[in-house]
mmCIF file of all heavy atoms, coordinates in Angstrom:
data_MODEL
# 
_entry.id   MODEL 
# 
loop_
_atom_site.group_PDB 
_atom_site.id 
_atom_site.type_symbol 
_atom_site.label_atom_id 
_atom_site.label_alt_id 
_atom_site.label_comp_id 
_atom_site.label_asym_id 
_atom_site.label_entity_id 
_atom_site.label_seq_id 
_atom_site.pdbx_PDB_ins_code 
_atom_site.Cartn_x 
_atom_site.Cartn_y 
_atom_site.Cartn_z 
_atom_site.occupancy 
_atom_site.B_iso_or_equiv 
_atom_site.pdbx_formal_charge 
_atom_site.auth_seq_id 
_atom_site.auth_comp_id 
_atom_site.auth_asym_id 
_atom_site.auth_atom_id 
_atom_site.pdbx_PDB_model_num 
ATOM 1   N N   . SER A 1 1  ? -140.583 -19.932 -47.519 1.00 0.00 ? 1  SER A N   1 
ATOM 2   C CA  . SER A 1 1  ? -140.238 -19.935 -46.124 1.00 0.00 ? 1  SER A CA  1 
ATOM 3   C C   . SER A 1 1  ? -139.678 -18.618 -45.672 1.00 0.00 ? 1  SER A C   1 
ATOM 4   O O   . SER A 1 1  ? -139.908 -18.119 -44.519 1.00 0.00 ? 1  SER A O   1 
ATOM 5   C CB  . SER A 1 1  ? -139.239 -21.060 -45.893 1.00 0.00 ? 1  SER A CB  1 
ATOM 6   O OG  . SER A 1 1  ? -139.781 -22.302 -46.168 1.00 0.00 ? 1  SER A OG  1 
ATOM 7   N N   . MET A 1 2  ? -138.900 -17.976 -46.533 1.00 0.00 ? 2  MET A N   1 
ATOM 8   C CA  . MET A 1 2  ? -138.349 -16.681 -46.262 1.00 0.00 ? 2  MET A CA  1 
ATOM 9   C C   . MET A 1 2  ? -139.410 -15.583 -46.135 1.00 0.00 ? 2  MET A C   1 
ATOM 10  O O   . MET A 1 2  ? -139.298 -14.714 -45.328 1.00 0.00 ? 2  MET A O   1 
ATOM 11  C CB  . MET A 1 2  ? -137.336 -16.275 -47.248 1.00 0.00 ? 2  MET A CB  1 
ATOM 12  C CG  . MET A 1 2  ? -136.090 -17.152 -47.370 1.00 0.00 ? 2  MET A CG  1 
ATOM 13  S SD  . MET A 1 2  ? -135.102 -16.954 -48.844 1.00 0.00 ? 2  MET A SD  1 
ATOM 14  C CE  . MET A 1 2  ? -134.461 -15.259 -48.640 1.00 0.00 ? 2  MET A CE  1 
ATOM 15  N N   . ILE A 1 3  ? -140.463 -15.733 -47.006 1.00 0.00 ? 3  ILE A N   1 
ATOM 16  C CA  . ILE A 1 3  ? -141.607 -14.692 -46.980 1.00 0.00 ? 3  ILE A CA  1 
ATOM 17  C C   . ILE A 1 3  ? -142.509 -14.939 -45.756 1.00 0.00 ? 3  ILE A C   1 
ATOM 18  O O   . ILE A 1 3  ? -142.829 -13.979 -45.064 1.00 0.00 ? 3  ILE A O   1 
ATOM 19  C CB  . ILE A 1 3  ? -142.406 -14.892 -48.303 1.00 0.00 ? 3  ILE A CB  1 
ATOM 20  C CG1 . ILE A 1 3  ? -141.538 -14.440 -49.439 1.00 0.00 ? 3  ILE A CG1 1 
ATOM 21  C CG2 . ILE A 1 3  ? -143.667 -14.086 -48.181 1.00 0.00 ? 3  ILE A CG2 1 
ATOM 22  C CD1 . ILE A 1 3  ? -142.196 -14.871 -50.812 1.00 0.00 ? 3  ILE A CD1 1 
ATOM 23  N N   . VAL A 1 4  ? -142.863 -16.145 -45.459 1.00 0.00 ? 4  VAL A N   1 
ATOM 24  C CA  . VAL A 1 4  ? -143.828 -16.335 -44.394 1.00 0.00 ? 4  VAL A CA  1 
ATOM 25  C C   . VAL A 1 4  ? -143.210 -16.381 -43.009 1.00 0.00 ? 4  VAL A C   1 
ATOM 26  O O   . VAL A 1 4  ? -143.862 -16.179 -41.984 1.00 0.00 ? 4  VAL A O   1 
ATOM 27  C CB  . VAL A 1 4  ? -144.685 -17.604 -44.557 1.00 0.00 ? 4  VAL A CB  1 
ATOM 28  C CG1 . VAL A 1 4  ? -145.374 -17.585 -45.900 1.00 0.00 ? 4  VAL A CG1 1 
ATOM 29  C CG2 . VAL A 1 4  ? -143.866 -18.870 -44.401 1.00 0.00 ? 4  VAL A CG2 1 
ATOM 30  N N   . ASN A 1 5  ? -141.918 -16.655 -42.926 1.00 0.00 ? 5  ASN A N   1 
ATOM 31  C CA  . ASN A 1 5  ? -141.210 -16.715 -41.656 1.00 0.00 ? 5  ASN A CA  1 
ATOM 32  C C   . ASN A 1 5  ? -141.822 -17.737 -40.748 1.00 0.00 ? 5  ASN A C   1 
ATOM 33  O O   . ASN A 1 5  ? -141.997 -18.862 -41.191 1.00 0.00 ? 5  ASN A O   1 
ATOM 34  C CB  . ASN A 1 5  ? -141.151 -15.306 -40.984 1.00 0.00 ? 5  ASN A CB  1 
ATOM 35  C CG  . ASN A 1 5  ? -139.748 -14.796 -40.933 1.00 0.00 ? 5  ASN A CG  1 
ATOM 36  O OD1 . ASN A 1 5  ? -138.760 -15.505 -40.756 1.00 0.00 ? 5  ASN A OD1 1 
ATOM 37  N ND2 . ASN A 1 5  ? -139.572 -13.492 -41.142 1.00 0.00 ? 5  ASN A ND2 1 
ATOM 38  N N   . ASP A 1 6  ? -142.231 -17.297 -39.587 1.00 0.00 ? 6  ASP A N   1 
ATOM 39  C CA  . ASP A 1 6  ? -142.767 -18.302 -38.563 1.00 0.00 ? 6  ASP A CA  1 
ATOM 40  C C   . ASP A 1 6  ? -144.265 -18.270 -38.531 1.00 0.00 ? 6  ASP A C   1 
ATOM 41  O O   . ASP A 1 6  ? -144.834 -18.889 -37.672 1.00 0.00 ? 6  ASP A O   1 
ATOM 42  C CB  . ASP A 1 6  ? -142.161 -18.040 -37.218 1.00 0.00 ? 6  ASP A CB  1 
ATOM 43  C CG  . ASP A 1 6  ? -142.461 -16.692 -36.701 1.00 0.00 ? 6  ASP A CG  1 
ATOM 44  O OD1 . ASP A 1 6  ? -143.028 -15.811 -37.451 1.00 0.00 ? 6  ASP A OD1 1 
ATOM 45  O OD2 . ASP A 1 6  ? -142.112 -16.393 -35.522 1.00 0.00 ? 6  ASP A OD2 1 
ATOM 46  N N   . ARG A 1 7  ? -144.916 -17.645 -39.507 1.00 0.00 ? 7  ARG A N   1 
ATOM 47  C CA  . ARG A 1 7  ? -146.419 -17.625 -39.573 1.00 0.00 ? 7  ARG A CA  1 
ATOM 48  C C   . ARG A 1 7  ? -146.891 -18.966 -40.008 1.00 0.00 ? 7  ARG A C   1 
ATOM 49  O O   . ARG A 1 7  ? -146.358 -19.634 -40.794 1.00 0.00 ? 7  ARG A O   1 
ATOM 50  C CB  . ARG A 1 7  ? -146.872 -16.514 -40.495 1.00 0.00 ? 7  ARG A CB  1 
ATOM 51  C CG  . ARG A 1 7  ? -146.654 -15.145 -39.868 1.00 0.00 ? 7  ARG A CG  1 
ATOM 52  C CD  . ARG A 1 7  ? -146.996 -13.957 -40.856 1.00 0.00 ? 7  ARG A CD  1 
ATOM 53  N NE  . ARG A 1 7  ? -146.143 -13.907 -41.958 1.00 0.00 ? 7  ARG A NE  1 
ATOM 54  C CZ  . ARG A 1 7  ? -146.275 -13.135 -43.032 1.00 0.00 ? 7  ARG A CZ  1 
ATOM 55  N NH1 . ARG A 1 7  ? -147.360 -12.346 -43.139 1.00 0.00 ? 7  ARG A NH1 1 
ATOM 56  N NH2 . ARG A 1 7  ? -145.352 -13.082 -43.985 1.00 0.00 ? 7  ARG A NH2 1 
ATOM 57  N N   . LEU A 1 8  ? -148.128 -19.250 -39.531 1.00 0.00 ? 8  LEU A N   1 
ATOM 58  C CA  . LEU A 1 8  ? -148.764 -20.585 -39.868 1.00 0.00 ? 8  LEU A CA  1 
ATOM 59  C C   . LEU A 1 8  ? -149.277 -20.559 -41.336 1.00 0.00 ? 8  LEU A C   1 
ATOM 60  O O   . LEU A 1 8  ? -149.879 -19.594 -41.736 1.00 0.00 ? 8  LEU A O   1 
ATOM 61  C CB  . LEU A 1 8  ? -149.921 -20.852 -38.966 1.00 0.00 ? 8  LEU A CB  1 
ATOM 62  C CG  . LEU A 1 8  ? -149.509 -21.122 -37.370 1.00 0.00 ? 8  LEU A CG  1 
ATOM 63  C CD1 . LEU A 1 8  ? -150.786 -21.160 -36.573 1.00 0.00 ? 8  LEU A CD1 1 
ATOM 64  C CD2 . LEU A 1 8  ? -148.743 -22.371 -37.245 1.00 0.00 ? 8  LEU A CD2 1 
ATOM 65  N N   . VAL A 1 9  ? -149.024 -21.633 -42.036 1.00 0.00 ? 9  VAL A N   1 
ATOM 66  C CA  . VAL A 1 9  ? -149.572 -21.796 -43.387 1.00 0.00 ? 9  VAL A CA  1 
ATOM 67  C C   . VAL A 1 9  ? -150.388 -23.104 -43.475 1.00 0.00 ? 9  VAL A C   1 
ATOM 68  O O   . VAL A 1 9  ? -149.851 -24.189 -43.382 1.00 0.00 ? 9  VAL A O   1 
ATOM 69  C CB  . VAL A 1 9  ? -148.443 -21.869 -44.407 1.00 0.00 ? 9  VAL A CB  1 
ATOM 70  C CG1 . VAL A 1 9  ? -149.039 -21.953 -45.820 1.00 0.00 ? 9  VAL A CG1 1 
ATOM 71  C CG2 . VAL A 1 9  ? -147.462 -20.647 -44.330 1.00 0.00 ? 9  VAL A CG2 1 
ATOM 72  N N   . TRP A 1 10 ? -151.727 -22.901 -43.533 1.00 0.00 ? 10 TRP A N   1 
ATOM 73  C CA  . TRP A 1 10 ? -152.617 -23.921 -43.754 1.00 0.00 ? 10 TRP A CA  1 
ATOM 74  C C   . TRP A 1 10 ? -152.891 -24.177 -45.213 1.00 0.00 ? 10 TRP A C   1 
ATOM 75  O O   . TRP A 1 10 ? -152.638 -23.206 -46.011 1.00 0.00 ? 10 TRP A O   1 
ATOM 76  C CB  . TRP A 1 10 ? -153.899 -23.749 -43.015 1.00 0.00 ? 10 TRP A CB  1 
ATOM 77  C CG  . TRP A 1 10 ? -153.919 -23.835 -41.565 1.00 0.00 ? 10 TRP A CG  1 
ATOM 78  C CD1 . TRP A 1 10 ? -153.377 -22.914 -40.702 1.00 0.00 ? 10 TRP A CD1 1 
ATOM 79  C CD2 . TRP A 1 10 ? -154.434 -24.885 -40.797 1.00 0.00 ? 10 TRP A CD2 1 
ATOM 80  N NE1 . TRP A 1 10 ? -153.596 -23.331 -39.401 1.00 0.00 ? 10 TRP A NE1 1 
ATOM 81  C CE2 . TRP A 1 10 ? -154.205 -24.543 -39.438 1.00 0.00 ? 10 TRP A CE2 1 
ATOM 82  C CE3 . TRP A 1 10 ? -155.128 -26.130 -41.102 1.00 0.00 ? 10 TRP A CE3 1 
ATOM 83  C CZ2 . TRP A 1 10 ? -154.617 -25.346 -38.383 1.00 0.00 ? 10 TRP A CZ2 1 
ATOM 84  C CZ3 . TRP A 1 10 ? -155.524 -26.869 -40.059 1.00 0.00 ? 10 TRP A CZ3 1 
ATOM 85  C CH2 . TRP A 1 10 ? -155.292 -26.564 -38.746 1.00 0.00 ? 10 TRP A CH2 1 
ATOM 86  N N   . ALA A 1 11 ? -153.285 -25.279 -45.601 1.00 0.00 ? 11 ALA A N   1 
ATOM 87  C CA  . ALA A 1 11 ? -153.627 -25.615 -47.048 1.00 0.00 ? 11 ALA A CA  1 
ATOM 88  C C   . ALA A 1 11 ? -154.852 -26.429 -47.107 1.00 0.00 ? 11 ALA A C   1 
ATOM 89  O O   . ALA A 1 11 ? -154.993 -27.426 -46.385 1.00 0.00 ? 11 ALA A O   1 
ATOM 90  C CB  . ALA A 1 11 ? -152.475 -26.203 -47.798 1.00 0.00 ? 11 ALA A CB  1 
ATOM 91  N N   . LEU A 1 12 ? -155.728 -26.047 -48.007 1.00 0.00 ? 12 LEU A N   1 
ATOM 92  C CA  . LEU A 1 12 ? -156.861 -26.900 -48.384 1.00 0.00 ? 12 LEU A CA  1 
ATOM 93  C C   . LEU A 1 12 ? -156.542 -27.378 -49.771 1.00 0.00 ? 12 LEU A C   1 
ATOM 94  O O   . LEU A 1 12 ? -156.714 -26.679 -50.790 1.00 0.00 ? 12 LEU A O   1 
ATOM 95  C CB  . LEU A 1 12 ? -158.164 -26.126 -48.354 1.00 0.00 ? 12 LEU A CB  1 
ATOM 96  C CG  . LEU A 1 12 ? -159.460 -26.844 -48.806 1.00 0.00 ? 12 LEU A CG  1 
ATOM 97  C CD1 . LEU A 1 12 ? -159.617 -28.135 -48.001 1.00 0.00 ? 12 LEU A CD1 1 
ATOM 98  C CD2 . LEU A 1 12 ? -160.661 -26.011 -48.735 1.00 0.00 ? 12 LEU A CD2 1 
ATOM 99  N N   . THR A 1 13 ? -156.041 -28.636 -49.886 1.00 0.00 ? 13 THR A N   1 
ATOM 100 C CA  . THR A 1 13 ? -155.686 -29.206 -51.185 1.00 0.00 ? 13 THR A CA  1 
ATOM 101 C C   . THR A 1 13 ? -156.745 -30.080 -51.711 1.00 0.00 ? 13 THR A C   1 
ATOM 102 O O   . THR A 1 13 ? -157.543 -30.729 -50.973 1.00 0.00 ? 13 THR A O   1 
ATOM 103 C CB  . THR A 1 13 ? -154.353 -30.081 -51.114 1.00 0.00 ? 13 THR A CB  1 
ATOM 104 O OG1 . THR A 1 13 ? -154.566 -31.100 -50.107 1.00 0.00 ? 13 THR A OG1 1 
ATOM 105 C CG2 . THR A 1 13 ? -153.174 -29.163 -50.681 1.00 0.00 ? 13 THR A CG2 1 
ATOM 106 N N   . THR A 1 14 ? -156.942 -30.046 -53.018 1.00 0.00 ? 14 THR A N   1 
ATOM 107 C CA  . THR A 1 14 ? -157.961 -30.866 -53.708 1.00 0.00 ? 14 THR A CA  1 
ATOM 108 C C   . THR A 1 14 ? -157.296 -31.528 -54.902 1.00 0.00 ? 14 THR A C   1 
ATOM 109 O O   . THR A 1 14 ? -156.305 -31.057 -55.434 1.00 0.00 ? 14 THR A O   1 
ATOM 110 C CB  . THR A 1 14 ? -159.159 -30.005 -54.176 1.00 0.00 ? 14 THR A CB  1 
ATOM 111 O OG1 . THR A 1 14 ? -158.662 -28.916 -54.978 1.00 0.00 ? 14 THR A OG1 1 
ATOM 112 C CG2 . THR A 1 14 ? -159.892 -29.479 -52.978 1.00 0.00 ? 14 THR A CG2 1 
ATOM 113 N N   . ILE A 1 15 ? -157.905 -32.613 -55.362 1.00 0.00 ? 15 ILE A N   1 
ATOM 114 C CA  . ILE A 1 15 ? -157.651 -33.140 -56.633 1.00 0.00 ? 15 ILE A CA  1 
ATOM 115 C C   . ILE A 1 15 ? -159.001 -33.157 -57.330 1.00 0.00 ? 15 ILE A C   1 
ATOM 116 O O   . ILE A 1 15 ? -159.962 -33.741 -56.829 1.00 0.00 ? 15 ILE A O   1 
ATOM 117 C CB  . ILE A 1 15 ? -157.173 -34.570 -56.607 1.00 0.00 ? 15 ILE A CB  1 
ATOM 118 C CG1 . ILE A 1 15 ? -155.787 -34.560 -55.751 1.00 0.00 ? 15 ILE A CG1 1 
ATOM 119 C CG2 . ILE A 1 15 ? -156.869 -35.143 -58.012 1.00 0.00 ? 15 ILE A CG2 1 
ATOM 120 C CD1 . ILE A 1 15 ? -155.249 -35.944 -55.477 1.00 0.00 ? 15 ILE A CD1 1 
ATOM 121 N N   . THR A 1 16 ? -159.060 -32.461 -58.457 1.00 0.00 ? 16 THR A N   1 
ATOM 122 C CA  . THR A 1 16 ? -160.343 -32.324 -59.166 1.00 0.00 ? 16 THR A CA  1 
ATOM 123 C C   . THR A 1 16 ? -160.369 -32.718 -60.601 1.00 0.00 ? 16 THR A C   1 
ATOM 124 O O   . THR A 1 16 ? -159.251 -32.866 -61.169 1.00 0.00 ? 16 THR A O   1 
ATOM 125 C CB  . THR A 1 16 ? -160.868 -30.869 -59.083 1.00 0.00 ? 16 THR A CB  1 
ATOM 126 O OG1 . THR A 1 16 ? -160.030 -29.959 -59.895 1.00 0.00 ? 16 THR A OG1 1 
ATOM 127 C CG2 . THR A 1 16 ? -160.870 -30.316 -57.661 1.00 0.00 ? 16 THR A CG2 1 
ATOM 128 N N   . ASN A 1 17 ? -161.476 -32.929 -61.143 1.00 0.00 ? 17 ASN A N   1 
ATOM 129 C CA  . ASN A 1 17 ? -161.608 -33.139 -62.586 1.00 0.00 ? 17 ASN A CA  1 
ATOM 130 C C   . ASN A 1 17 ? -162.969 -32.613 -63.031 1.00 0.00 ? 17 ASN A C   1 
ATOM 131 O O   . ASN A 1 17 ? -163.935 -33.034 -62.441 1.00 0.00 ? 17 ASN A O   1 
ATOM 132 C CB  . ASN A 1 17 ? -161.509 -34.636 -62.979 1.00 0.00 ? 17 ASN A CB  1 
ATOM 133 C CG  . ASN A 1 17 ? -161.637 -34.756 -64.470 1.00 0.00 ? 17 ASN A CG  1 
ATOM 134 O OD1 . ASN A 1 17 ? -161.021 -34.073 -65.242 1.00 0.00 ? 17 ASN A OD1 1 
ATOM 135 N ND2 . ASN A 1 17 ? -162.418 -35.840 -64.807 1.00 0.00 ? 17 ASN A ND2 1 
ATOM 136 N N   . ALA A 1 18 ? -162.981 -31.687 -63.991 1.00 0.00 ? 18 ALA A N   1 
ATOM 137 C CA  . ALA A 1 18 ? -164.184 -31.149 -64.534 1.00 0.00 ? 18 ALA A CA  1 
ATOM 138 C C   . ALA A 1 18 ? -165.104 -30.554 -63.387 1.00 0.00 ? 18 ALA A C   1 
ATOM 139 O O   . ALA A 1 18 ? -166.331 -30.764 -63.483 1.00 0.00 ? 18 ALA A O   1 
ATOM 140 C CB  . ALA A 1 18 ? -164.927 -32.168 -65.367 1.00 0.00 ? 18 ALA A CB  1 
ATOM 141 N N   . GLY A 1 19 ? -164.517 -29.959 -62.457 1.00 0.00 ? 19 GLY A N   1 
ATOM 142 C CA  . GLY A 1 19 ? -165.296 -29.342 -61.324 1.00 0.00 ? 19 GLY A CA  1 
ATOM 143 C C   . GLY A 1 19 ? -165.642 -30.275 -60.218 1.00 0.00 ? 19 GLY A C   1 
ATOM 144 O O   . GLY A 1 19 ? -166.210 -29.938 -59.259 1.00 0.00 ? 19 GLY A O   1 
ATOM 145 N N   . GLN A 1 20 ? -165.360 -31.577 -60.371 1.00 0.00 ? 20 GLN A N   1 
ATOM 146 C CA  . GLN A 1 20 ? -165.610 -32.543 -59.395 1.00 0.00 ? 20 GLN A CA  1 
ATOM 147 C C   . GLN A 1 20 ? -164.471 -32.662 -58.394 1.00 0.00 ? 20 GLN A C   1 
ATOM 148 O O   . GLN A 1 20 ? -163.341 -32.785 -58.870 1.00 0.00 ? 20 GLN A O   1 
ATOM 149 C CB  . GLN A 1 20 ? -165.978 -33.943 -59.988 1.00 0.00 ? 20 GLN A CB  1 
ATOM 150 C CG  . GLN A 1 20 ? -167.189 -33.931 -60.926 1.00 0.00 ? 20 GLN A CG  1 
ATOM 151 C CD  . GLN A 1 20 ? -167.460 -35.358 -61.376 1.00 0.00 ? 20 GLN A CD  1 
ATOM 152 O OE1 . GLN A 1 20 ? -167.403 -36.316 -60.662 1.00 0.00 ? 20 GLN A OE1 1 
ATOM 153 N NE2 . GLN A 1 20 ? -167.757 -35.482 -62.658 1.00 0.00 ? 20 GLN A NE2 1 
ATOM 154 N N   . ILE A 1 21 ? -164.738 -32.705 -57.197 1.00 0.00 ? 21 ILE A N   1 
ATOM 155 C CA  . ILE A 1 21 ? -163.674 -32.899 -56.138 1.00 0.00 ? 21 ILE A CA  1 
ATOM 156 C C   . ILE A 1 21 ? -163.551 -34.369 -55.874 1.00 0.00 ? 21 ILE A C   1 
ATOM 157 O O   . ILE A 1 21 ? -164.455 -35.052 -55.336 1.00 0.00 ? 21 ILE A O   1 
ATOM 158 C CB  . ILE A 1 21 ? -163.998 -32.087 -54.892 1.00 0.00 ? 21 ILE A CB  1 
ATOM 159 C CG1 . ILE A 1 21 ? -164.036 -30.619 -55.150 1.00 0.00 ? 21 ILE A CG1 1 
ATOM 160 C CG2 . ILE A 1 21 ? -162.966 -32.444 -53.766 1.00 0.00 ? 21 ILE A CG2 1 
ATOM 161 C CD1 . ILE A 1 21 ? -164.617 -29.761 -54.039 1.00 0.00 ? 21 ILE A CD1 1 
ATOM 162 N N   . LEU A 1 22 ? -162.408 -34.932 -56.195 1.00 0.00 ? 22 LEU A N   1 
ATOM 163 C CA  . LEU A 1 22 ? -162.166 -36.390 -56.093 1.00 0.00 ? 22 LEU A CA  1 
ATOM 164 C C   . LEU A 1 22 ? -161.386 -36.755 -54.747 1.00 0.00 ? 22 LEU A C   1 
ATOM 165 O O   . LEU A 1 22 ? -161.528 -37.889 -54.313 1.00 0.00 ? 22 LEU A O   1 
ATOM 166 C CB  . LEU A 1 22 ? -161.338 -36.889 -57.317 1.00 0.00 ? 22 LEU A CB  1 
ATOM 167 C CG  . LEU A 1 22 ? -161.859 -36.535 -58.724 1.00 0.00 ? 22 LEU A CG  1 
ATOM 168 C CD1 . LEU A 1 22 ? -160.948 -37.154 -59.744 1.00 0.00 ? 22 LEU A CD1 1 
ATOM 169 C CD2 . LEU A 1 22 ? -163.268 -36.923 -58.886 1.00 0.00 ? 22 LEU A CD2 1 
ATOM 170 N N   . TRP A 1 23 ? -160.725 -35.733 -54.278 1.00 0.00 ? 23 TRP A N   1 
ATOM 171 C CA  . TRP A 1 23 ? -159.940 -35.985 -53.080 1.00 0.00 ? 23 TRP A CA  1 
ATOM 172 C C   . TRP A 1 23 ? -159.670 -34.660 -52.404 1.00 0.00 ? 23 TRP A C   1 
ATOM 173 O O   . TRP A 1 23 ? -159.513 -33.651 -53.100 1.00 0.00 ? 23 TRP A O   1 
ATOM 174 C CB  . TRP A 1 23 ? -158.612 -36.655 -53.487 1.00 0.00 ? 23 TRP A CB  1 
ATOM 175 C CG  . TRP A 1 23 ? -157.714 -37.070 -52.320 1.00 0.00 ? 23 TRP A CG  1 
ATOM 176 C CD1 . TRP A 1 23 ? -157.621 -38.254 -51.726 1.00 0.00 ? 23 TRP A CD1 1 
ATOM 177 C CD2 . TRP A 1 23 ? -156.755 -36.258 -51.682 1.00 0.00 ? 23 TRP A CD2 1 
ATOM 178 N NE1 . TRP A 1 23 ? -156.672 -38.240 -50.747 1.00 0.00 ? 23 TRP A NE1 1 
ATOM 179 C CE2 . TRP A 1 23 ? -156.083 -37.044 -50.654 1.00 0.00 ? 23 TRP A CE2 1 
ATOM 180 C CE3 . TRP A 1 23 ? -156.351 -34.929 -51.819 1.00 0.00 ? 23 TRP A CE3 1 
ATOM 181 C CZ2 . TRP A 1 23 ? -155.050 -36.573 -49.847 1.00 0.00 ? 23 TRP A CZ2 1 
ATOM 182 C CZ3 . TRP A 1 23 ? -155.335 -34.426 -51.013 1.00 0.00 ? 23 TRP A CZ3 1 
ATOM 183 C CH2 . TRP A 1 23 ? -154.732 -35.234 -50.017 1.00 0.00 ? 23 TRP A CH2 1 
ATOM 184 N N   . SER A 1 24 ? -159.479 -34.577 -51.065 1.00 0.00 ? 24 SER A N   1 
ATOM 185 C CA  . SER A 1 24 ? -159.208 -33.359 -50.416 1.00 0.00 ? 24 SER A CA  1 
ATOM 186 C C   . SER A 1 24 ? -158.502 -33.553 -49.080 1.00 0.00 ? 24 SER A C   1 
ATOM 187 O O   . SER A 1 24 ? -158.632 -34.658 -48.407 1.00 0.00 ? 24 SER A O   1 
ATOM 188 C CB  . SER A 1 24 ? -160.465 -32.542 -50.223 1.00 0.00 ? 24 SER A CB  1 
ATOM 189 O OG  . SER A 1 24 ? -160.195 -31.268 -49.629 1.00 0.00 ? 24 SER A OG  1 
# 
């Protein structure tokens, strides 16, 4: 929070196994 300040932080989160995307 101290580093980014008020800049927007988006995230593309995944849950994977062996290269397969199970959730995002």
